[in-house]
N, C-alpha and C. Protein backbone atom coordinates (compact mmCIF):
# COMPACT_ATOMS: atom_id res chain seq x y z
N UNK A 1 0.81 -1.20 0.00
CA UNK A 1 0.00 0.00 0.00
C UNK A 1 0.85 1.26 0.00
N UNK A 2 1.94 1.27 0.76
CA UNK A 2 2.76 2.47 0.87
C UNK A 2 3.39 2.86 -0.45
N UNK A 3 3.64 1.91 -1.32
CA UNK A 3 4.28 2.25 -2.59
C UNK A 3 3.35 3.04 -3.49
N UNK A 4 2.05 3.05 -3.20
CA UNK A 4 1.10 3.79 -4.00
C UNK A 4 0.94 5.23 -3.56
N UNK A 5 1.59 5.62 -2.48
CA UNK A 5 1.45 6.97 -1.97
C UNK A 5 2.17 7.96 -2.87
N UNK A 6 1.63 9.17 -2.90
CA UNK A 6 2.27 10.25 -3.66
C UNK A 6 3.57 10.63 -2.97
N UNK A 7 4.57 11.00 -3.75
CA UNK A 7 5.86 11.44 -3.21
C UNK A 7 5.87 12.94 -3.05
N UNK A 8 6.50 13.42 -1.97
CA UNK A 8 6.70 14.85 -1.82
C UNK A 8 7.83 15.27 -2.74
N UNK A 9 7.89 16.55 -3.05
CA UNK A 9 8.87 17.04 -4.03
C UNK A 9 10.31 16.81 -3.59
N UNK A 10 10.59 16.85 -2.29
CA UNK A 10 11.98 16.67 -1.87
C UNK A 10 12.43 15.21 -1.93
N UNK A 11 11.53 14.30 -2.29
CA UNK A 11 11.93 12.91 -2.46
C UNK A 11 11.99 12.51 -3.94
N UNK A 12 11.77 13.47 -4.83
CA UNK A 12 11.81 13.20 -6.28
C UNK A 12 13.18 13.59 -6.81
N UNK A 13 13.87 12.62 -7.38
CA UNK A 13 15.21 12.87 -7.93
C UNK A 13 15.12 13.67 -9.22
N UNK A 14 16.14 14.46 -9.46
CA UNK A 14 16.23 15.26 -10.68
C UNK A 14 16.65 14.38 -11.86
N UNK A 15 15.96 14.54 -12.98
CA UNK A 15 16.36 13.85 -14.21
C UNK A 15 17.48 14.63 -14.87
N UNK A 16 18.40 13.90 -15.48
CA UNK A 16 19.49 14.59 -16.19
C UNK A 16 18.97 15.10 -17.53
N UNK A 17 19.21 16.36 -17.78
CA UNK A 17 18.90 17.00 -19.07
C UNK A 17 20.20 17.65 -19.54
N UNK A 18 20.59 17.37 -20.76
CA UNK A 18 21.83 17.92 -21.29
C UNK A 18 21.72 19.42 -21.53
N UNK A 19 22.70 20.17 -21.06
CA UNK A 19 22.70 21.61 -21.32
C UNK A 19 22.96 21.94 -22.79
N UNK A 20 23.37 20.96 -23.58
CA UNK A 20 23.63 21.19 -25.00
C UNK A 20 22.39 21.67 -25.75
N UNK A 21 21.21 21.31 -25.25
CA UNK A 21 19.99 21.75 -25.93
C UNK A 21 19.78 23.25 -25.83
N UNK A 22 20.50 23.90 -24.93
CA UNK A 22 20.39 25.35 -24.76
C UNK A 22 21.61 26.09 -25.32
N UNK A 23 22.47 25.39 -26.02
CA UNK A 23 23.72 25.97 -26.51
C UNK A 23 23.48 27.16 -27.45
N UNK A 24 22.46 27.08 -28.27
CA UNK A 24 22.19 28.14 -29.24
C UNK A 24 21.38 29.30 -28.65
N UNK A 25 20.96 29.18 -27.40
CA UNK A 25 20.16 30.23 -26.76
C UNK A 25 21.05 31.40 -26.35
N UNK A 26 20.50 32.60 -26.43
CA UNK A 26 21.21 33.76 -25.89
C UNK A 26 20.73 34.00 -24.45
N UNK A 27 21.27 35.01 -23.80
CA UNK A 27 20.95 35.26 -22.39
C UNK A 27 19.47 35.57 -22.18
N UNK A 28 18.87 36.30 -23.10
CA UNK A 28 17.44 36.63 -22.96
C UNK A 28 16.61 35.37 -23.06
N UNK A 29 16.93 34.49 -23.99
CA UNK A 29 16.19 33.23 -24.14
C UNK A 29 16.40 32.32 -22.93
N UNK A 30 17.61 32.27 -22.41
CA UNK A 30 17.89 31.46 -21.23
C UNK A 30 17.12 31.98 -20.02
N UNK A 31 17.05 33.29 -19.88
CA UNK A 31 16.32 33.88 -18.76
C UNK A 31 14.83 33.56 -18.88
N UNK A 32 14.28 33.68 -20.08
CA UNK A 32 12.87 33.36 -20.30
C UNK A 32 12.59 31.89 -20.01
N UNK A 33 13.48 31.02 -20.45
CA UNK A 33 13.32 29.59 -20.21
C UNK A 33 13.39 29.27 -18.71
N UNK A 34 14.32 29.92 -18.02
CA UNK A 34 14.43 29.72 -16.57
C UNK A 34 13.14 30.13 -15.87
N UNK A 35 12.56 31.24 -16.27
CA UNK A 35 11.30 31.70 -15.67
C UNK A 35 10.16 30.73 -15.97
N UNK A 36 10.10 30.25 -17.22
CA UNK A 36 9.04 29.31 -17.60
C UNK A 36 9.13 28.03 -16.77
N UNK A 37 10.33 27.50 -16.68
CA UNK A 37 10.53 26.24 -15.95
C UNK A 37 10.25 26.45 -14.46
N UNK A 38 10.75 27.52 -13.88
CA UNK A 38 10.53 27.77 -12.45
C UNK A 38 9.06 27.94 -12.12
N UNK A 39 8.31 28.60 -13.00
CA UNK A 39 6.86 28.76 -12.77
C UNK A 39 6.17 27.40 -12.74
N UNK A 40 6.52 26.56 -13.69
CA UNK A 40 5.90 25.23 -13.75
C UNK A 40 6.35 24.36 -12.58
N UNK A 41 7.62 24.46 -12.18
CA UNK A 41 8.12 23.71 -11.03
C UNK A 41 7.35 24.12 -9.76
N UNK A 42 7.15 25.40 -9.58
CA UNK A 42 6.44 25.89 -8.39
C UNK A 42 5.00 25.39 -8.37
N UNK A 43 4.30 25.50 -9.50
CA UNK A 43 2.91 25.07 -9.56
C UNK A 43 2.78 23.56 -9.36
N UNK A 44 3.58 22.82 -10.08
CA UNK A 44 3.53 21.37 -10.00
C UNK A 44 4.00 20.88 -8.63
N UNK A 45 5.02 21.52 -8.09
CA UNK A 45 5.51 21.15 -6.77
C UNK A 45 4.45 21.31 -5.70
N UNK A 46 3.68 22.38 -5.78
CA UNK A 46 2.58 22.58 -4.83
C UNK A 46 1.55 21.47 -4.92
N UNK A 47 1.21 21.08 -6.14
CA UNK A 47 0.24 19.99 -6.34
C UNK A 47 0.77 18.68 -5.78
N UNK A 48 2.03 18.38 -6.07
CA UNK A 48 2.62 17.12 -5.60
C UNK A 48 2.73 17.07 -4.08
N UNK A 49 3.15 18.17 -3.48
CA UNK A 49 3.25 18.19 -2.01
C UNK A 49 1.88 18.07 -1.36
N UNK A 50 0.86 18.69 -1.96
CA UNK A 50 -0.50 18.56 -1.42
C UNK A 50 -0.99 17.12 -1.55
N UNK A 51 -0.71 16.48 -2.67
CA UNK A 51 -1.12 15.09 -2.86
C UNK A 51 -0.42 14.18 -1.84
N UNK A 52 0.86 14.45 -1.57
CA UNK A 52 1.59 13.64 -0.58
C UNK A 52 0.99 13.82 0.81
N UNK A 53 0.64 15.06 1.15
CA UNK A 53 0.01 15.33 2.45
C UNK A 53 -1.34 14.63 2.53
N UNK A 54 -2.13 14.73 1.48
CA UNK A 54 -3.44 14.07 1.45
C UNK A 54 -3.31 12.57 1.63
N UNK A 55 -2.32 11.97 0.96
CA UNK A 55 -2.13 10.53 1.09
C UNK A 55 -1.74 10.13 2.51
N UNK A 56 -0.97 10.97 3.18
CA UNK A 56 -0.61 10.67 4.57
C UNK A 56 -1.85 10.69 5.46
N UNK A 57 -2.73 11.66 5.24
CA UNK A 57 -3.97 11.75 6.02
C UNK A 57 -4.85 10.53 5.73
N UNK A 58 -4.98 10.18 4.46
CA UNK A 58 -5.79 9.01 4.09
C UNK A 58 -5.21 7.75 4.72
N UNK A 59 -3.89 7.63 4.74
CA UNK A 59 -3.24 6.45 5.31
C UNK A 59 -3.58 6.33 6.80
N UNK A 60 -3.46 7.41 7.53
CA UNK A 60 -3.77 7.38 8.97
C UNK A 60 -5.23 7.04 9.18
N UNK A 61 -6.11 7.70 8.44
CA UNK A 61 -7.54 7.44 8.56
C UNK A 61 -7.85 5.98 8.24
N UNK A 62 -7.24 5.47 7.16
CA UNK A 62 -7.50 4.10 6.74
C UNK A 62 -6.98 3.07 7.71
N UNK A 63 -5.81 3.32 8.27
CA UNK A 63 -5.22 2.35 9.20
C UNK A 63 -5.97 2.32 10.52
N UNK A 64 -6.49 3.46 10.92
CA UNK A 64 -7.11 3.55 12.24
C UNK A 64 -8.62 3.33 12.18
N UNK A 65 -9.29 3.87 11.18
CA UNK A 65 -10.74 3.91 11.21
C UNK A 65 -11.40 3.05 10.13
N UNK A 66 -11.02 3.25 8.87
CA UNK A 66 -11.78 2.65 7.78
C UNK A 66 -10.84 2.21 6.67
N UNK A 67 -10.39 0.94 6.71
CA UNK A 67 -9.36 0.46 5.80
C UNK A 67 -9.70 0.55 4.31
N UNK A 68 -10.97 0.45 3.86
CA UNK A 68 -11.22 0.55 2.41
C UNK A 68 -10.79 1.88 1.78
N UNK A 69 -10.65 2.92 2.59
CA UNK A 69 -10.22 4.21 2.06
C UNK A 69 -8.78 4.15 1.55
N UNK A 70 -8.03 3.14 1.95
CA UNK A 70 -6.65 2.99 1.50
C UNK A 70 -6.56 2.77 -0.02
N UNK A 71 -7.63 2.32 -0.62
CA UNK A 71 -7.63 2.16 -2.08
C UNK A 71 -7.60 3.50 -2.81
N UNK A 72 -7.84 4.60 -2.10
CA UNK A 72 -7.79 5.94 -2.70
C UNK A 72 -6.37 6.49 -2.78
N UNK A 73 -5.42 5.78 -2.19
CA UNK A 73 -4.03 6.24 -2.23
C UNK A 73 -3.47 6.13 -3.63
N UNK A 74 -2.56 6.99 -3.92
CA UNK A 74 -1.89 6.86 -5.21
C UNK A 74 -1.40 8.18 -5.74
N UNK A 75 -0.13 8.25 -5.95
CA UNK A 75 0.45 9.46 -6.52
C UNK A 75 0.28 9.49 -8.02
N UNK A 76 0.54 10.62 -8.58
CA UNK A 76 0.48 10.77 -10.03
C UNK A 76 1.90 10.66 -10.56
N UNK A 77 2.23 9.48 -11.04
CA UNK A 77 3.60 9.22 -11.50
C UNK A 77 3.98 10.08 -12.70
N UNK A 78 3.01 10.42 -13.55
CA UNK A 78 3.31 11.29 -14.70
C UNK A 78 3.72 12.68 -14.22
N UNK A 79 3.04 13.20 -13.20
CA UNK A 79 3.41 14.51 -12.66
C UNK A 79 4.77 14.45 -11.98
N UNK A 80 5.05 13.36 -11.29
CA UNK A 80 6.35 13.22 -10.65
C UNK A 80 7.47 13.16 -11.69
N UNK A 81 7.22 12.47 -12.80
CA UNK A 81 8.21 12.40 -13.87
C UNK A 81 8.42 13.77 -14.51
N UNK A 82 7.33 14.52 -14.69
CA UNK A 82 7.44 15.87 -15.25
C UNK A 82 8.23 16.77 -14.31
N UNK A 83 7.97 16.64 -13.01
CA UNK A 83 8.68 17.46 -12.02
C UNK A 83 10.18 17.16 -12.06
N UNK A 84 10.54 15.89 -12.13
CA UNK A 84 11.96 15.50 -12.20
C UNK A 84 12.60 16.05 -13.47
N UNK A 85 11.87 15.98 -14.59
CA UNK A 85 12.40 16.50 -15.86
C UNK A 85 12.58 18.02 -15.79
N UNK A 86 11.60 18.72 -15.22
CA UNK A 86 11.69 20.18 -15.11
C UNK A 86 12.86 20.60 -14.24
N UNK A 87 13.09 19.87 -13.15
CA UNK A 87 14.25 20.18 -12.31
C UNK A 87 15.54 20.00 -13.11
N UNK A 88 15.58 18.97 -13.95
CA UNK A 88 16.73 18.74 -14.80
C UNK A 88 16.89 19.84 -15.84
N UNK A 89 15.78 20.29 -16.41
CA UNK A 89 15.83 21.38 -17.39
C UNK A 89 16.37 22.66 -16.74
N UNK A 90 15.92 22.94 -15.53
CA UNK A 90 16.38 24.15 -14.85
C UNK A 90 17.90 24.07 -14.60
N UNK A 91 18.36 22.91 -14.19
CA UNK A 91 19.79 22.73 -13.99
C UNK A 91 20.57 22.92 -15.29
N UNK A 92 20.02 22.40 -16.39
CA UNK A 92 20.68 22.55 -17.69
C UNK A 92 20.72 24.01 -18.12
N UNK A 93 19.64 24.74 -17.85
CA UNK A 93 19.61 26.18 -18.17
C UNK A 93 20.66 26.92 -17.35
N UNK A 94 20.79 26.56 -16.08
CA UNK A 94 21.79 27.19 -15.22
C UNK A 94 23.20 26.94 -15.74
N UNK A 95 23.47 25.71 -16.13
CA UNK A 95 24.80 25.37 -16.65
C UNK A 95 25.07 26.15 -17.94
N UNK A 96 24.09 26.14 -18.83
CA UNK A 96 24.25 26.86 -20.09
C UNK A 96 24.42 28.36 -19.86
N UNK A 97 23.72 28.88 -18.89
CA UNK A 97 23.85 30.31 -18.56
C UNK A 97 25.26 30.63 -18.10
N UNK A 98 25.84 29.75 -17.31
CA UNK A 98 27.21 29.95 -16.86
C UNK A 98 28.19 29.91 -18.01
N UNK A 99 27.95 29.01 -18.95
CA UNK A 99 28.82 28.91 -20.12
C UNK A 99 28.73 30.16 -21.01
N UNK A 100 27.53 30.76 -21.02
CA UNK A 100 27.31 31.98 -21.82
C UNK A 100 27.64 33.24 -21.02
N UNK A 101 27.99 33.07 -19.76
CA UNK A 101 28.25 34.19 -18.83
C UNK A 101 27.02 35.09 -18.67
N UNK A 102 25.87 34.45 -18.55
CA UNK A 102 24.60 35.16 -18.37
C UNK A 102 24.25 35.18 -16.88
N UNK A 103 23.45 36.13 -16.52
CA UNK A 103 22.87 36.16 -15.17
C UNK A 103 21.40 35.80 -15.35
N UNK A 104 21.02 34.64 -14.86
CA UNK A 104 19.64 34.16 -14.98
C UNK A 104 18.97 34.41 -13.64
N UNK A 105 17.82 35.06 -13.67
CA UNK A 105 17.12 35.42 -12.44
C UNK A 105 15.93 34.52 -12.16
N UNK A 106 15.75 33.46 -12.95
CA UNK A 106 14.59 32.59 -12.76
C UNK A 106 14.78 31.57 -11.71
């Protein structure tokens, strides 16, 4: 049952994304990409953390009071994969920004 629980964002590993995909970007494009990725990371991270909290509450309720509710547990693996990819994209943008000597504020 526990393997079906949603993961909190701090337990999701970052996927590797090559910074080479940003090699042709200039500083303005890198900054825009950093902002886009960070916005999505923040929104998705909030959803994932809320789902993890909800699953913990359901687990306690199910273990103590009403076990059939445990069938409602389950994280969204597609969202977790997207979150890991986005974290990797942000890291790749940061690396590429350093190579271009850009200051990225995202």
